[in-house]
Amino acid sequence: MNKEKLLLWTLAAINFIHIVDFMILMPLGPQLMRIFDITPREFGLLVSCYTFSAGISSFFGAFVLDRFDRKKILVWVYVGFAIATLGCALSPSYPVLLVARVISGLFGGLTSALILAIIGDVIPDSRRGRAMGLVMAAFSVASVLGVPLGLFLASLSDWHTPFFILTGLSVLALGMIVRYIPTITAHLKNDIVRPNPLVVIRRVTSDSNQMRAITLSIMMMFGQFMIIPFLSPYTVANVGFTELQLTYIYMAGGAFTIFTSPWVGKLSDKYGKQKIFIIFMLLNLIPIAIITHLGVTPIPFVLMVSTMFFVTSNGRYVPAAAIVTGTSKPENRGSFLSFNSAVQQLATGAASLLAGIIIGENAAGELTNYNVVGYIAIACSLVCIPLAKRIKVVS
């Protein structure tokens, strides 16, 4: 295996752990809501606090990421992430878990921007779609292995167990970072004067192309994270699944996207990233519309729709990540992607929080107004199509 593949597999491993750390809380929702006796709004806060803190750290990271060796800063960020994940595992109550998730988000928020910046620095545009497809396949593996296994272990013991396992995996990932990621300092050119924070903000906000890319990221997050945090609680409360049967949704969806994610990356390189993005964005509207209107439904039909949701959601993100990354030049890529990650994380938190406010609970314990959340998600998704058409890749 050559050095480039080892680097991409390491980035995929980092992405896997980060995604499982974020995702595992959502399918644990029914269990956490029962154990801690919390409302949908409080659960929405538990999800959104991670992304809000991740957004804040990414925002401030935008001012410093391009000043250091990518490898060195990734090591320090991941050390903090591992410690914070251990804090989640040891949390005895809702308030303590809330604080631990905030701290996890502070460190976890920087990993996405660093991963994209490293790919942008090391992989040329002609192969960047494939590279994104491989690294983003971590979402699929997280869905088919990480999340179901975490749910299964949580059902055998308790919800703390998945976080203990993630802590151990984070330590292994640190070893991979040290061994397989090279020193990356090409962006540290002597003739480039590093701007102060206000200049970084002004440079991004004054670039209409980058602002379209950031707006695309925001709308995509609202199109998805109005739906995702409450998919598991809704499936248990309204559709009739047991907490253990939730693993079927993530296993089926993840199993398909393991294969479709790299395939979408190749399609993006061959036929154009914007064209493939638009196709998958339109396809993604179908499962959103169905999922948010389900009542008690047979398991096979739910799995068919939820799998389409995972495949099309992942399918639109692979070309979108390549499009957004390509709007910045190497010397400014870390700053821009961290700024974009910050806005993306804040949008994710806002979407989760807004969904938690809209969604209610009736006397029978069923969640209400999930269909309203679906309409908003569809509207946000449709806005993404004209935005993507107007974005230009510059590097």
Protein backbone atom coordinates (compact mmCIF):
# COMPACT_ATOMS: atom_id res chain seq x y z
CA MET A 1 0.00 0.00 0.00
CA ASN A 2 1.52 3.33 -1.06
CA LYS A 3 1.92 6.36 1.15
CA GLU A 4 -1.08 8.18 -0.31
CA LYS A 5 -3.42 5.27 0.46
CA LEU A 6 -2.03 4.92 3.98
CA LEU A 7 -2.66 8.63 4.54
CA LEU A 8 -6.22 8.37 3.20
CA TRP A 9 -6.96 5.29 5.32
CA THR A 10 -5.67 7.15 8.38
CA LEU A 11 -7.91 10.13 7.59
CA ALA A 12 -10.81 7.72 7.06
CA ALA A 13 -10.13 6.16 10.49
CA ILE A 14 -10.11 9.61 12.12
CA ASN A 15 -13.33 10.48 10.33
CA PHE A 16 -14.89 7.17 11.39
CA ILE A 17 -14.23 7.77 15.10
CA HIS A 18 -15.36 11.40 14.91
CA ILE A 19 -18.58 10.44 13.09
CA VAL A 20 -19.41 7.58 15.47
CA ASP A 21 -18.78 9.91 18.42
CA PHE A 22 -21.29 12.38 16.97
CA MET A 23 -23.78 9.85 15.57
CA ILE A 24 -23.97 7.40 18.47
CA LEU A 25 -25.87 9.86 20.63
CA MET A 26 -28.79 10.03 18.17
CA PRO A 27 -29.73 6.32 18.08
CA LEU A 28 -29.16 6.24 21.84
CA GLY A 29 -31.88 8.91 22.05
CA PRO A 30 -34.75 6.62 23.14
CA GLN A 31 -32.56 5.12 25.89
CA LEU A 32 -31.21 8.48 27.09
CA MET A 33 -34.66 10.09 27.07
CA ARG A 34 -35.95 7.23 29.21
CA ILE A 35 -32.99 6.97 31.63
CA PHE A 36 -32.58 10.71 32.21
CA ASP A 37 -36.34 11.42 31.88
CA ILE A 38 -35.74 14.27 29.41
CA THR A 39 -38.01 15.88 26.80
CA PRO A 40 -37.41 16.03 23.01
CA ARG A 41 -36.23 19.63 23.49
CA GLU A 42 -33.64 18.58 26.10
CA PHE A 43 -32.46 15.76 23.86
CA GLY A 44 -32.21 18.23 20.97
CA LEU A 45 -29.98 20.38 23.19
CA LEU A 46 -27.79 17.36 23.96
CA VAL A 47 -27.25 16.84 20.22
CA SER A 48 -26.88 20.50 19.30
CA CYS A 49 -24.47 21.46 22.12
CA TYR A 50 -21.80 19.27 20.50
CA THR A 51 -22.17 20.97 17.14
CA PHE A 52 -22.42 24.48 18.61
CA SER A 53 -19.14 24.04 20.50
CA ALA A 54 -17.59 22.41 17.43
CA GLY A 55 -18.64 25.42 15.39
CA ILE A 56 -17.09 27.85 17.87
CA SER A 57 -13.75 25.98 17.95
CA SER A 58 -13.72 25.71 14.15
CA PHE A 59 -14.37 29.45 13.89
CA PHE A 60 -11.37 30.33 16.03
CA GLY A 61 -9.35 27.58 14.39
CA ALA A 62 -9.80 29.41 11.08
CA PHE A 63 -7.37 32.02 12.36
CA VAL A 64 -4.55 29.64 13.25
CA LEU A 65 -4.76 26.42 11.16
CA ASP A 66 -2.71 27.79 8.28
CA ARG A 67 0.09 28.89 10.61
CA PHE A 68 1.20 25.37 11.58
CA ASP A 69 2.20 22.00 10.21
CA ARG A 70 -1.06 20.12 9.54
CA LYS A 71 0.23 16.95 11.24
CA LYS A 72 1.35 18.68 14.42
CA ILE A 73 -1.93 20.48 15.00
CA LEU A 74 -3.95 17.34 14.19
CA VAL A 75 -2.06 15.39 16.87
CA TRP A 76 -2.84 18.00 19.55
CA VAL A 77 -6.49 18.25 18.51
CA TYR A 78 -6.90 14.49 18.65
CA VAL A 79 -5.29 14.19 22.09
CA GLY A 80 -7.92 16.62 23.40
CA PHE A 81 -10.67 14.75 21.58
CA ALA A 82 -9.66 11.42 23.17
CA ILE A 83 -9.65 12.91 26.68
CA ALA A 84 -13.05 14.55 26.13
CA THR A 85 -14.54 11.29 24.82
CA LEU A 86 -13.38 9.57 28.00
CA GLY A 87 -15.22 12.32 29.89
CA CYS A 88 -18.45 11.37 28.06
CA ALA A 89 -17.93 7.73 29.01
CA LEU A 90 -17.60 8.63 32.69
CA SER A 91 -20.61 11.01 32.80
CA PRO A 92 -23.08 9.98 35.55
CA SER A 93 -25.98 12.34 34.71
CA TYR A 94 -27.59 14.51 32.02
CA PRO A 95 -25.93 17.82 33.10
CA VAL A 96 -22.47 16.22 33.27
CA LEU A 97 -22.95 14.54 29.89
CA LEU A 98 -24.05 17.88 28.47
CA VAL A 99 -20.80 19.52 29.62
CA ALA A 100 -18.71 16.58 28.36
CA ARG A 101 -20.35 16.80 24.93
CA VAL A 102 -19.54 20.51 24.75
CA ILE A 103 -15.85 19.77 25.44
CA SER A 104 -15.85 16.91 22.90
CA GLY A 105 -17.26 19.28 20.31
CA LEU A 106 -14.56 21.86 20.97
CA PHE A 107 -11.88 19.40 19.85
CA GLY A 108 -13.94 17.32 17.42
CA GLY A 109 -15.00 20.38 15.46
CA LEU A 110 -11.50 20.95 14.14
CA THR A 111 -11.00 17.44 12.77
CA SER A 112 -13.34 17.83 9.77
CA ALA A 113 -11.59 20.99 8.56
CA LEU A 114 -8.15 19.44 9.08
CA ILE A 115 -9.11 16.30 7.14
CA LEU A 116 -10.39 18.33 4.18
CA ALA A 117 -7.37 20.66 4.29
CA ILE A 118 -4.95 17.70 4.23
CA ILE A 119 -6.77 16.13 1.27
CA GLY A 120 -6.77 19.48 -0.51
CA ASP A 121 -3.01 19.91 0.11
CA VAL A 122 -1.90 16.40 -0.82
CA ILE A 123 -4.37 15.16 -3.46
CA PRO A 124 -4.70 16.96 -6.85
CA ASP A 125 -8.15 17.94 -8.11
CA SER A 126 -8.15 15.17 -10.73
CA ARG A 127 -8.18 12.53 -7.95
CA ARG A 128 -9.85 14.54 -5.19
CA GLY A 129 -13.33 13.11 -5.82
CA ARG A 130 -12.04 9.55 -5.31
CA ALA A 131 -10.11 10.63 -2.19
CA MET A 132 -13.23 12.28 -0.75
CA GLY A 133 -15.24 9.16 -1.56
CA LEU A 134 -12.80 6.95 0.33
CA VAL A 135 -12.59 9.18 3.40
CA MET A 136 -16.33 9.86 3.42
CA ALA A 137 -16.93 6.10 3.26
CA ALA A 138 -16.09 6.31 6.98
CA PHE A 139 -19.68 7.52 7.41
CA SER A 140 -20.88 4.27 5.88
CA VAL A 141 -18.59 2.12 8.01
CA ALA A 142 -19.68 4.10 11.08
CA SER A 143 -23.28 3.39 10.15
CA VAL A 144 -22.91 -0.32 9.35
CA LEU A 145 -20.40 -1.24 12.07
CA GLY A 146 -19.78 1.52 14.61
CA VAL A 147 -23.29 2.68 15.44
CA PRO A 148 -25.06 -0.75 15.39
CA LEU A 149 -22.25 -2.31 17.44
CA GLY A 150 -22.41 0.61 19.86
CA LEU A 151 -26.19 0.23 20.16
CA PHE A 152 -25.87 -3.53 20.64
CA LEU A 153 -23.25 -3.16 23.37
CA ALA A 154 -25.33 -0.40 25.00
CA SER A 155 -28.34 -2.76 25.04
CA LEU A 156 -26.22 -5.46 26.70
CA SER A 157 -24.68 -3.15 29.31
CA ASP A 158 -25.47 0.58 29.28
CA TRP A 159 -24.99 3.72 27.17
CA HIS A 160 -21.52 4.43 28.67
CA THR A 161 -19.92 1.46 26.88
CA PRO A 162 -19.75 2.90 23.33
CA PHE A 163 -17.86 5.95 24.61
CA PHE A 164 -15.28 3.80 26.41
CA ILE A 165 -14.68 1.93 23.14
CA LEU A 166 -14.38 5.21 21.21
CA THR A 167 -11.76 6.38 23.69
CA GLY A 168 -9.66 3.28 23.00
CA LEU A 169 -10.05 3.72 19.23
CA SER A 170 -8.96 7.36 19.52
CA VAL A 171 -5.70 6.25 21.10
CA LEU A 172 -5.12 3.83 18.19
CA ALA A 173 -5.89 6.61 15.70
CA LEU A 174 -3.25 8.80 17.34
CA GLY A 175 -0.70 6.12 16.57
CA MET A 176 -1.80 6.05 12.92
CA ILE A 177 -1.53 9.86 12.70
CA VAL A 178 2.05 9.79 14.03
CA ARG A 179 3.09 6.97 11.68
CA TYR A 180 1.24 7.55 8.42
CA ILE A 181 0.56 11.29 8.10
CA PRO A 182 3.63 13.16 6.87
CA THR A 183 4.71 16.63 7.86
CA ILE A 184 2.62 18.99 5.71
CA THR A 185 4.13 22.46 5.50
CA ALA A 186 3.85 23.37 1.80
CA HIS A 187 1.22 25.96 2.73
CA LEU A 188 3.73 27.70 5.02
CA LYS A 189 5.36 29.94 2.45
CA ASN A 190 7.73 32.65 3.59
CA ASP A 191 6.32 35.22 1.19
CA ILE A 192 2.77 34.88 2.51
CA VAL A 193 1.78 37.30 5.25
CA ARG A 194 -0.69 35.68 7.60
CA PRO A 195 -3.71 37.95 8.09
CA ASN A 196 -5.30 38.79 11.41
CA PRO A 197 -8.73 37.32 12.27
CA LEU A 198 -10.70 40.26 10.89
CA VAL A 199 -8.90 39.94 7.57
CA VAL A 200 -9.70 36.20 7.45
CA ILE A 201 -13.39 36.95 7.97
CA ARG A 202 -13.36 39.81 5.48
CA ARG A 203 -11.54 37.72 2.89
CA VAL A 204 -14.15 34.94 3.06
CA THR A 205 -17.21 37.19 3.27
CA SER A 206 -16.01 39.38 0.40
CA ASP A 207 -15.51 36.37 -1.90
CA SER A 208 -18.94 35.72 -3.42
CA ASN A 209 -17.88 32.26 -4.62
CA GLN A 210 -16.80 31.16 -1.15
CA MET A 211 -19.92 32.66 0.39
CA ARG A 212 -22.04 30.57 -1.98
CA ALA A 213 -20.06 27.51 -0.86
CA ILE A 214 -20.67 28.36 2.80
CA THR A 215 -24.38 28.98 2.16
CA LEU A 216 -24.53 25.60 0.42
CA SER A 217 -23.04 23.98 3.53
CA ILE A 218 -25.63 25.69 5.76
CA MET A 219 -28.60 24.65 3.64
CA MET A 220 -27.34 21.08 3.37
CA MET A 221 -27.07 20.82 7.15
CA PHE A 222 -30.61 22.15 7.65
CA GLY A 223 -31.82 19.73 4.97
CA GLN A 224 -30.41 16.79 6.92
CA PHE A 225 -30.15 17.62 10.61
CA MET A 226 -33.74 18.69 10.97
CA ILE A 227 -34.38 14.97 10.29
CA ILE A 228 -31.48 12.85 11.57
CA PRO A 229 -31.42 13.53 15.35
CA PHE A 230 -35.05 12.45 15.78
CA LEU A 231 -35.04 9.59 13.27
CA SER A 232 -34.39 7.01 16.02
CA PRO A 233 -36.80 8.39 18.67
CA TYR A 234 -39.52 8.76 16.00
CA THR A 235 -38.94 5.24 14.65
CA VAL A 236 -39.32 3.79 18.15
CA ALA A 237 -42.22 5.98 19.35
CA ASN A 238 -44.28 6.23 16.14
CA VAL A 239 -43.20 3.52 13.69
CA GLY A 240 -43.10 0.67 16.21
CA PHE A 241 -39.43 -0.39 16.23
CA THR A 242 -37.70 -1.64 19.36
CA GLU A 243 -34.43 -0.02 20.43
CA LEU A 244 -32.52 -3.11 19.27
CA GLN A 245 -34.26 -3.04 15.86
CA LEU A 246 -32.81 0.43 15.28
CA THR A 247 -29.53 -1.33 14.48
CA TYR A 248 -31.18 -2.69 11.29
CA ILE A 249 -31.62 0.85 9.96
CA TYR A 250 -27.97 1.78 10.43
CA MET A 251 -26.64 -1.58 9.26
CA ALA A 252 -28.71 -1.59 6.07
CA GLY A 253 -28.00 2.05 5.23
CA GLY A 254 -24.31 1.78 6.04
CA ALA A 255 -23.85 -1.50 4.15
CA PHE A 256 -25.06 0.08 0.92
CA THR A 257 -23.16 3.36 1.32
CA ILE A 258 -19.85 1.54 1.90
CA PHE A 259 -20.05 0.65 -1.78
CA THR A 260 -21.89 3.70 -3.12
CA SER A 261 -19.63 6.34 -1.51
CA PRO A 262 -16.46 5.48 -3.52
CA TRP A 263 -18.65 4.92 -6.59
CA VAL A 264 -20.16 8.41 -6.25
CA GLY A 265 -16.61 9.83 -5.93
CA LYS A 266 -15.65 8.23 -9.26
CA LEU A 267 -18.86 9.47 -10.90
CA SER A 268 -18.07 12.98 -9.64
CA ASP A 269 -14.63 12.94 -11.24
CA LYS A 270 -15.98 11.48 -14.50
CA TYR A 271 -19.23 13.38 -15.07
CA GLY A 272 -18.75 16.52 -12.98
CA LYS A 273 -19.20 17.18 -9.28
CA GLN A 274 -22.11 19.60 -9.68
CA LYS A 275 -24.12 17.28 -11.93
CA ILE A 276 -23.77 14.30 -9.56
CA PHE A 277 -24.55 16.51 -6.56
CA ILE A 278 -27.82 17.73 -8.09
CA ILE A 279 -28.93 14.21 -9.03
CA PHE A 280 -28.41 12.86 -5.51
CA MET A 281 -29.91 15.95 -3.87
CA LEU A 282 -33.14 15.46 -5.85
CA LEU A 283 -33.21 11.74 -5.04
CA ASN A 284 -32.70 12.56 -1.35
CA LEU A 285 -36.04 14.43 -1.22
CA ILE A 286 -37.99 11.19 -1.74
CA PRO A 287 -37.00 9.37 1.48
CA ILE A 288 -37.22 12.61 3.50
CA ALA A 289 -40.85 13.04 2.44
CA ILE A 290 -41.71 9.42 3.26
CA ILE A 291 -39.79 9.06 6.54
CA THR A 292 -41.38 12.11 8.15
CA HIS A 293 -44.91 10.85 7.47
CA LEU A 294 -44.60 7.21 8.59
CA GLY A 295 -46.94 5.61 11.09
CA VAL A 296 -46.71 2.01 12.27
CA THR A 297 -44.98 0.39 9.28
CA PRO A 298 -43.54 -3.06 8.42
CA ILE A 299 -39.80 -3.30 8.98
CA PRO A 300 -38.83 -4.15 5.34
CA PHE A 301 -40.45 -0.98 3.96
CA VAL A 302 -38.86 1.22 6.63
CA LEU A 303 -35.45 -0.29 5.87
CA MET A 304 -35.90 0.32 2.15
CA VAL A 305 -36.74 3.99 2.69
CA SER A 306 -34.11 4.62 5.38
CA THR A 307 -31.43 2.96 3.24
CA MET A 308 -32.32 5.24 0.34
CA PHE A 309 -32.06 8.16 2.76
CA PHE A 310 -28.52 7.16 3.84
CA VAL A 311 -27.33 6.43 0.29
CA THR A 312 -28.63 9.68 -1.20
CA SER A 313 -27.53 11.77 1.79
CA ASN A 314 -24.00 10.42 1.50
CA GLY A 315 -24.18 10.66 -2.29
CA ARG A 316 -24.81 14.39 -2.24
CA TYR A 317 -22.16 15.07 0.40
CA VAL A 318 -19.21 13.48 -1.48
CA PRO A 319 -19.33 15.85 -4.51
CA ALA A 320 -20.37 18.78 -2.30
CA ALA A 321 -17.25 18.36 -0.12
CA ALA A 322 -15.06 18.36 -3.24
CA ILE A 323 -16.85 21.45 -4.61
CA VAL A 324 -16.48 23.42 -1.37
CA THR A 325 -12.83 22.41 -0.92
CA GLY A 326 -12.03 23.55 -4.46
CA THR A 327 -13.17 27.13 -3.85
CA SER A 328 -10.01 27.99 -1.86
CA LYS A 329 -6.31 28.21 -2.72
CA PRO A 330 -3.75 26.06 -0.83
CA GLU A 331 -2.29 28.89 1.25
CA ASN A 332 -5.74 29.84 2.56
CA ARG A 333 -7.42 26.44 2.48
CA GLY A 334 -7.13 25.62 6.18
CA SER A 335 -8.58 28.99 7.22
CA PHE A 336 -11.46 28.79 4.76
CA LEU A 337 -12.35 25.17 5.51
CA SER A 338 -12.21 25.77 9.25
CA PHE A 339 -14.44 28.83 8.80
CA ASN A 340 -16.79 26.74 6.64
CA SER A 341 -16.70 23.89 9.19
CA ALA A 342 -17.59 26.37 11.94
CA VAL A 343 -20.61 27.66 10.05
CA GLN A 344 -21.56 24.09 9.11
CA GLN A 345 -21.39 22.90 12.72
CA LEU A 346 -23.38 25.90 13.96
CA ALA A 347 -26.00 25.21 11.26
CA THR A 348 -26.17 21.57 12.35
CA GLY A 349 -26.69 22.63 15.96
CA ALA A 350 -29.31 25.19 15.00
CA ALA A 351 -31.16 22.63 12.87
CA SER A 352 -31.17 20.06 15.70
CA LEU A 353 -32.27 22.65 18.22
CA LEU A 354 -35.03 24.00 15.95
CA ALA A 355 -36.29 20.47 15.29
CA GLY A 356 -36.35 19.83 19.04
CA ILE A 357 -38.46 22.96 19.54
CA ILE A 358 -40.91 22.05 16.75
CA ILE A 359 -41.28 18.38 17.66
CA GLY A 360 -43.60 17.62 20.57
CA GLU A 361 -44.82 14.57 22.42
CA ASN A 362 -48.42 13.50 22.91
CA ALA A 363 -50.02 11.63 25.81
CA ALA A 364 -49.33 8.26 24.15
CA GLY A 365 -45.60 9.03 24.01
CA GLU A 366 -45.59 9.56 20.23
CA LEU A 367 -43.62 12.42 18.68
CA THR A 368 -45.63 15.09 16.86
CA ASN A 369 -44.87 17.62 14.07
CA TYR A 370 -42.11 15.49 12.47
CA ASN A 371 -43.89 16.10 9.15
CA VAL A 372 -43.46 19.87 9.62
CA VAL A 373 -39.74 19.32 10.15
CA GLY A 374 -39.72 17.30 6.91
CA TYR A 375 -41.25 20.15 4.90
CA ILE A 376 -38.58 22.56 6.16
CA ALA A 377 -35.81 20.07 5.34
CA ILE A 378 -37.12 19.64 1.78
CA ALA A 379 -37.29 23.41 1.24
CA CYS A 380 -33.69 23.85 2.45
CA SER A 381 -32.52 21.00 0.21
CA LEU A 382 -34.12 22.54 -2.87
CA VAL A 383 -32.28 25.81 -2.26
CA CYS A 384 -28.98 23.89 -2.56
CA ILE A 385 -29.45 23.14 -6.27
CA PRO A 386 -29.19 26.68 -7.70
CA LEU A 387 -26.40 27.42 -5.20
CA ALA A 388 -24.29 24.46 -6.39
CA LYS A 389 -24.70 25.50 -10.04
CA ARG A 390 -23.14 28.91 -9.32
CA ILE A 391 -20.06 27.72 -7.41
CA LYS A 392 -16.73 27.75 -9.29
CA VAL A 393 -13.79 25.49 -8.44
CA VAL A 394 -10.54 27.49 -8.45
CA SER A 395 -8.00 24.88 -7.29
